Amino acid sequence: MVSEASISCRTPSVQWFGPDDLTDRRRLDAWCAGVGPVVLGDARADGTREVALHGITFVSWNVHVGNGDLVRFVDDLRAGRWTAGHPVFDIVLLLQEVLRRGEVPVLSAGASGAGRIRAKNRRAVDIEDAARELGMWLAYAPSMRNGKTVADPSEDRGNAILSTLPLADARAVELPGERQRRVALFARIARGPADHVSVGVLHFDALAARRRFWLFGSSRVRAMQAESLAAVLPEGTLALGADLNTWRGANEPAPKYFRRLFASTAVTIDESGPGHRSLDYMFFRAPGTSARYRVVQDKYGSDHYPLVGWFE
């Protein structure tokens, strides 16, 4: 069960939801104490433009805690490298495992953090810096601290939405679970003065608790996280980017559950090419239309391939 949450450490500018269970609440509060606030940033002050639904390109990508080169990827996307040579103008990035350095508190007693993931070959990309360089609107909800000792830099990581179109009405959903804190993020994208499309980004648990033998019981935890979102998913047209961490593939309960929820829109998937794992997904809902997404065959420094999709 997910209900509206009113815990003081949650940023009041965002509508928050979370589990009712007291054990979950205590666990989530400890993780929340280690991270900074939600970020809602405007790119510029120009007015809303009329944009056709099929003119928006959606991307889902786990950037491996800032290791993914967002700017180079977006440059290639805008140039048409991943859209059969057709330039892309309006983009919505649904990103998992982004990194933020600013506004993260010093680690305090009782606060939880995750083992720090470091940049592999260069300085990791800060999500606020990337949004400024790309000139895009930003919504960012940290899930966990990137580091669990006082010797680690003050960083957090979580989900983000970057958009060339204005973002509004952000909502954050703390998911039930057993280990790390996971926060789903949703927002509305204005594609005209009187129209919008909702978008969301998810990142589920990779492992369960020790009592469930970590990996072997984890699919049930992910199913619980998927089912908890049914009551709070935005209504109407919706594009969802997700790293579901489904080690056993697309037949796990979590992706099967989402396919049932989004069954009104037929989706074609091109996952040709080497190395694609069934961890990452896109789901689309717009009754009366269809959608498509493909796996980009370049990781751009991450450990995941981007997914590029659109309504047809």
Protein backbone atom coordinates (compact mmCIF):
# COMPACT_ATOMS: atom_id res chain seq x y z
CA MET A 1 0.00 0.00 0.00
CA VAL A 2 1.29 3.46 -0.93
CA SER A 3 -0.16 6.59 0.67
CA GLU A 4 0.69 10.29 0.71
CA ALA A 5 3.70 10.89 2.96
CA SER A 6 4.37 13.92 5.15
CA ILE A 7 7.78 13.17 6.70
CA SER A 8 9.70 16.41 7.36
CA CYS A 9 12.88 15.42 5.48
CA ARG A 10 11.02 15.27 2.17
CA THR A 11 11.17 18.39 0.01
CA PRO A 12 7.77 20.14 0.32
CA SER A 13 7.77 21.43 -3.28
CA VAL A 14 7.16 17.87 -4.51
CA GLN A 15 4.16 15.66 -3.81
CA TRP A 16 5.48 12.65 -1.88
CA PHE A 17 4.09 9.14 -1.56
CA GLY A 18 5.46 6.18 0.37
CA PRO A 19 4.65 2.91 2.12
CA ASP A 20 2.54 2.85 5.28
CA ASP A 21 4.54 0.11 6.97
CA LEU A 22 6.45 1.44 10.01
CA THR A 23 9.48 -0.76 9.37
CA ASP A 24 9.71 0.63 5.83
CA ARG A 25 9.29 4.17 7.15
CA ARG A 26 12.17 3.83 9.65
CA ARG A 27 14.44 2.35 6.98
CA LEU A 28 13.56 5.06 4.45
CA ASP A 29 14.02 7.86 6.99
CA ALA A 30 17.57 6.70 7.73
CA TRP A 31 18.45 6.71 4.03
CA CYS A 32 16.69 10.04 3.51
CA ALA A 33 18.85 11.63 6.24
CA GLY A 34 21.94 11.02 4.11
CA VAL A 35 20.80 12.80 0.94
CA GLY A 36 20.11 16.35 -0.19
CA PRO A 37 16.83 17.88 -1.41
CA VAL A 38 14.95 17.30 -4.65
CA VAL A 39 16.04 19.58 -7.51
CA LEU A 40 13.51 21.29 -9.78
CA GLY A 41 15.33 23.53 -12.25
CA ASP A 42 14.10 25.66 -15.17
CA ALA A 43 16.16 25.82 -18.33
CA ARG A 44 14.92 29.19 -19.57
CA ALA A 45 11.91 31.48 -19.47
CA ASP A 46 10.50 31.05 -22.99
CA GLY A 47 6.85 30.12 -23.47
CA THR A 48 5.30 26.73 -24.12
CA ARG A 49 5.54 25.53 -27.72
CA GLU A 50 3.07 23.34 -29.59
CA VAL A 51 4.71 19.93 -30.04
CA ALA A 52 3.13 16.82 -31.56
CA LEU A 53 3.29 13.72 -29.39
CA HIS A 54 5.17 11.79 -32.07
CA GLY A 55 7.70 14.64 -32.26
CA ILE A 56 9.08 13.92 -28.76
CA THR A 57 11.96 11.46 -28.39
CA PHE A 58 12.11 9.65 -25.04
CA VAL A 59 15.27 8.08 -23.62
CA SER A 60 15.68 5.67 -20.71
CA TRP A 61 19.24 5.17 -19.50
CA ASN A 62 21.11 4.08 -16.40
CA VAL A 63 24.19 6.35 -16.48
CA HIS A 64 26.11 4.39 -13.81
CA VAL A 65 26.49 7.20 -11.25
CA GLY A 66 27.62 9.89 -13.67
CA ASN A 67 29.88 7.69 -15.82
CA GLY A 68 27.61 7.99 -18.86
CA ASP A 69 28.59 10.88 -21.13
CA LEU A 70 25.23 12.66 -21.36
CA VAL A 71 26.41 15.58 -23.45
CA ARG A 72 28.05 13.42 -26.15
CA PHE A 73 25.03 11.13 -26.27
CA VAL A 74 22.57 14.03 -26.63
CA ASP A 75 24.77 15.61 -29.34
CA ASP A 76 24.65 12.33 -31.29
CA LEU A 77 20.90 12.00 -30.72
CA ARG A 78 20.23 15.54 -31.92
CA ALA A 79 22.34 14.89 -35.01
CA GLY A 80 20.22 11.84 -35.91
CA ARG A 81 22.80 9.14 -35.24
CA TRP A 82 20.26 6.92 -33.47
CA THR A 83 17.15 7.94 -35.45
CA ALA A 84 18.10 6.84 -38.98
CA GLY A 85 19.66 10.21 -39.79
CA HIS A 86 16.65 12.29 -38.77
CA PRO A 87 17.62 15.18 -36.44
CA VAL A 88 15.94 15.21 -33.01
CA PHE A 89 14.71 18.47 -31.47
CA ASP A 90 12.47 17.68 -28.47
CA ILE A 91 13.99 15.20 -26.01
CA VAL A 92 12.98 13.79 -22.62
CA LEU A 93 15.72 11.89 -20.76
CA LEU A 94 14.52 9.43 -18.09
CA LEU A 95 17.72 8.66 -16.20
CA GLN A 96 18.64 6.23 -13.45
CA GLU A 97 21.75 6.40 -11.23
CA VAL A 98 22.61 10.05 -11.84
CA LEU A 99 25.07 11.79 -9.49
CA ARG A 100 24.69 15.07 -7.57
CA ARG A 101 27.43 16.80 -5.51
CA GLY A 102 25.81 20.05 -4.44
CA GLU A 103 23.53 20.44 -1.39
CA VAL A 104 24.35 17.00 0.03
CA PRO A 105 24.70 17.09 3.84
CA VAL A 106 27.66 15.81 5.81
CA LEU A 107 27.08 12.20 6.87
CA SER A 108 25.44 12.25 10.30
CA ALA A 109 24.96 9.60 12.98
CA GLY A 110 22.07 7.31 12.13
CA ALA A 111 22.07 8.20 8.41
CA SER A 112 22.43 5.39 5.85
CA GLY A 113 24.49 5.40 2.67
CA ALA A 114 25.35 3.01 -0.16
CA GLY A 115 28.82 1.83 -1.10
CA ARG A 116 30.38 4.55 -3.22
CA ILE A 117 30.52 4.02 -6.99
CA ARG A 118 33.42 5.96 -8.50
CA ALA A 119 34.00 7.34 -11.99
CA LYS A 120 35.82 4.81 -14.17
CA ASN A 121 37.88 6.90 -16.56
CA ARG A 122 37.11 10.56 -15.86
CA ARG A 123 35.34 12.84 -13.43
CA ALA A 124 31.74 11.71 -13.04
CA VAL A 125 29.08 14.02 -14.52
CA ASP A 126 27.05 16.01 -11.97
CA ILE A 127 23.40 16.02 -13.11
CA GLU A 128 22.90 19.74 -12.41
CA ASP A 129 26.01 20.62 -14.41
CA ALA A 130 24.79 18.44 -17.29
CA ALA A 131 21.34 20.08 -17.28
CA ARG A 132 22.90 23.55 -17.45
CA GLU A 133 25.26 22.56 -20.27
CA LEU A 134 22.44 20.96 -22.27
CA GLY A 135 19.99 23.81 -21.57
CA MET A 136 17.27 21.46 -20.32
CA TRP A 137 14.67 21.50 -17.55
CA LEU A 138 15.61 19.20 -14.67
CA ALA A 139 13.78 17.22 -12.00
CA TYR A 140 16.02 15.13 -9.73
CA ALA A 141 15.07 12.96 -6.75
CA PRO A 142 17.98 11.42 -4.82
CA SER A 143 17.44 7.87 -3.60
CA MET A 144 20.62 7.22 -1.63
CA ARG A 145 23.94 8.64 -0.56
CA ASN A 146 26.86 7.68 -2.82
CA GLY A 147 29.14 6.54 0.01
CA LYS A 148 28.65 5.31 3.56
CA THR A 149 31.65 6.65 5.48
CA VAL A 150 32.66 10.15 6.59
CA ALA A 151 35.75 9.81 4.38
CA ASP A 152 33.59 9.62 1.24
CA PRO A 153 32.72 12.87 -0.60
CA SER A 154 29.23 14.25 0.03
CA GLU A 155 27.37 12.92 -3.02
CA ASP A 156 23.96 11.36 -3.65
CA ARG A 157 22.45 9.43 -6.53
CA GLY A 158 18.98 8.74 -7.85
CA ASN A 159 16.55 9.29 -10.73
CA ALA A 160 16.28 12.37 -12.94
CA ILE A 161 14.18 13.75 -15.77
CA LEU A 162 15.81 16.17 -18.22
CA SER A 163 13.58 17.77 -20.85
CA THR A 164 13.73 20.33 -23.64
CA LEU A 165 10.06 21.02 -22.81
CA PRO A 166 8.84 22.53 -19.51
CA LEU A 167 8.42 20.21 -16.51
CA ALA A 168 5.66 20.59 -13.92
CA ASP A 169 3.77 18.75 -11.16
CA ALA A 170 6.63 16.53 -10.02
CA ARG A 171 5.79 13.68 -7.66
CA ALA A 172 8.15 11.31 -5.87
CA VAL A 173 7.27 7.82 -4.66
CA GLU A 174 9.39 6.01 -2.08
CA LEU A 175 9.13 2.31 -2.85
CA PRO A 176 8.72 -0.51 -0.36
CA GLY A 177 11.72 -2.81 -0.10
CA GLU A 178 14.27 -4.41 2.17
CA ARG A 179 17.65 -2.84 1.42
CA GLN A 180 18.39 0.49 -0.23
CA ARG A 181 16.01 3.44 -0.61
CA ARG A 182 14.44 3.68 -4.08
CA VAL A 183 12.47 6.75 -5.22
CA ALA A 184 10.38 6.74 -8.40
CA LEU A 185 9.99 10.16 -10.06
CA PHE A 186 7.14 11.46 -12.23
CA ALA A 187 6.39 14.79 -13.91
CA ARG A 188 4.26 16.38 -16.60
CA ILE A 189 5.77 17.66 -19.85
CA ALA A 190 3.94 20.61 -21.42
CA ARG A 191 3.61 20.09 -25.19
CA GLY A 192 1.24 22.98 -25.71
CA PRO A 193 -0.73 25.55 -23.68
CA ALA A 194 -3.55 23.04 -23.07
CA ASP A 195 -1.91 19.66 -23.43
CA HIS A 196 0.74 17.55 -21.73
CA VAL A 197 2.26 14.10 -21.49
CA SER A 198 3.30 12.49 -18.21
CA VAL A 199 6.67 10.80 -17.82
CA GLY A 200 8.29 8.69 -15.12
CA VAL A 201 11.56 7.01 -14.23
CA LEU A 202 12.05 3.88 -12.08
CA HIS A 203 15.00 1.96 -10.66
CA PHE A 204 14.16 -1.20 -8.70
CA ASP A 205 16.17 -3.24 -6.20
CA ALA A 206 18.80 -5.59 -7.60
CA LEU A 207 18.96 -7.75 -4.47
CA ALA A 208 16.67 -8.83 -1.66
CA ALA A 209 17.49 -9.09 2.03
CA ARG A 210 19.80 -11.84 3.29
CA ARG A 211 16.85 -13.86 4.62
CA ARG A 212 15.62 -14.14 1.00
CA PHE A 213 19.07 -15.23 -0.18
CA TRP A 214 19.78 -11.88 -1.87
CA LEU A 215 19.49 -12.67 -5.59
CA PHE A 216 17.13 -15.64 -5.48
CA GLY A 217 14.36 -13.84 -3.63
CA SER A 218 14.79 -10.49 -5.34
CA SER A 219 12.17 -10.97 -8.08
CA ARG A 220 9.43 -10.98 -5.44
CA VAL A 221 10.74 -7.68 -4.01
CA ARG A 222 10.65 -6.10 -7.49
CA ALA A 223 7.12 -7.40 -8.03
CA MET A 224 6.07 -5.74 -4.75
CA GLN A 225 7.68 -2.46 -5.87
CA ALA A 226 5.87 -2.60 -9.24
CA GLU A 227 2.50 -3.33 -7.66
CA SER A 228 2.92 -0.48 -5.17
CA LEU A 229 2.96 2.03 -8.04
CA ALA A 230 -0.39 1.15 -9.59
CA ALA A 231 -2.38 3.63 -7.45
CA VAL A 232 -0.02 6.59 -8.03
CA LEU A 233 0.85 6.35 -11.73
CA PRO A 234 -0.23 9.52 -13.57
CA GLU A 235 -3.40 9.20 -15.63
CA GLY A 236 -3.57 9.75 -19.37
CA THR A 237 -0.68 9.62 -21.82
CA LEU A 238 2.44 8.31 -20.09
CA ALA A 239 6.00 7.33 -21.06
CA LEU A 240 7.96 5.35 -18.47
CA GLY A 241 11.69 4.57 -18.42
CA ALA A 242 12.82 1.82 -16.07
CA ASP A 243 15.83 -0.14 -14.91
CA LEU A 244 13.94 -2.99 -13.26
CA ASN A 245 17.09 -5.00 -12.43
CA THR A 246 15.37 -8.15 -13.68
CA TRP A 247 18.26 -10.60 -13.60
CA ARG A 248 15.98 -13.38 -14.80
CA GLY A 249 14.71 -11.37 -17.77
CA ALA A 250 11.46 -9.99 -19.15
CA ASN A 251 9.37 -12.86 -17.80
CA GLU A 252 9.91 -11.80 -14.20
CA PRO A 253 6.73 -10.64 -12.41
CA ALA A 254 7.62 -6.89 -12.44
CA PRO A 255 7.86 -6.35 -16.24
CA LYS A 256 4.90 -8.67 -16.81
CA TYR A 257 2.88 -6.53 -14.39
CA PHE A 258 3.76 -3.31 -16.23
CA ARG A 259 2.98 -4.86 -19.61
CA ARG A 260 -0.53 -5.58 -18.32
CA LEU A 261 -0.92 -2.02 -17.00
CA PHE A 262 0.23 -0.57 -20.32
CA ALA A 263 -1.54 -3.07 -22.56
CA SER A 264 -3.65 -0.39 -24.30
CA THR A 265 -0.63 0.71 -26.38
CA ALA A 266 1.23 -1.72 -28.63
CA VAL A 267 5.01 -1.37 -28.30
CA THR A 268 7.58 -2.64 -30.81
CA ILE A 269 11.08 -3.30 -29.41
CA ASP A 270 14.29 -3.46 -31.43
CA GLU A 271 16.94 -5.00 -29.20
CA SER A 272 19.21 -6.34 -31.92
CA GLY A 273 22.93 -6.17 -31.38
CA PRO A 274 25.33 -7.67 -28.87
CA GLY A 275 25.33 -7.37 -25.11
CA HIS A 276 21.76 -6.26 -24.32
CA ARG A 277 20.52 -7.55 -20.95
CA SER A 278 16.86 -7.62 -19.97
CA LEU A 279 17.26 -5.09 -17.17
CA ASP A 280 16.04 -1.94 -18.92
CA TYR A 281 12.57 -1.21 -20.29
CA MET A 282 10.28 1.47 -21.66
CA PHE A 283 6.50 1.42 -21.28
CA PHE A 284 4.09 3.68 -23.18
CA ARG A 285 0.40 4.47 -22.73
CA ALA A 286 -1.63 6.46 -25.26
CA PRO A 287 -4.79 4.59 -26.29
CA GLY A 288 -5.34 4.61 -30.04
CA THR A 289 -1.66 4.85 -30.92
CA SER A 290 1.43 2.62 -30.83
CA ALA A 291 5.01 3.14 -29.68
CA ARG A 292 8.47 1.85 -30.43
CA TYR A 293 11.87 1.80 -28.79
CA ARG A 294 15.32 0.53 -29.68
CA VAL A 295 18.52 -0.27 -27.84
CA VAL A 296 21.41 2.07 -28.70
CA GLN A 297 24.59 0.06 -29.39
CA ASP A 298 26.95 2.40 -27.52
CA LYS A 299 27.14 2.67 -23.73
CA TYR A 300 28.81 6.13 -23.79
CA GLY A 301 30.85 5.22 -20.70
CA SER A 302 28.01 3.69 -18.66
CA ASP A 303 27.48 0.00 -17.97
CA HIS A 304 24.01 0.13 -19.60
CA TYR A 305 22.90 0.86 -23.17
CA PRO A 306 20.47 3.78 -23.65
CA LEU A 307 16.96 3.05 -24.91
CA VAL A 308 15.48 5.52 -27.42
CA GLY A 309 11.71 5.52 -27.95
CA TRP A 310 8.76 7.46 -29.33
CA PHE A 311 5.02 7.35 -29.94
CA GLU A 312 4.18 6.58 -33.57
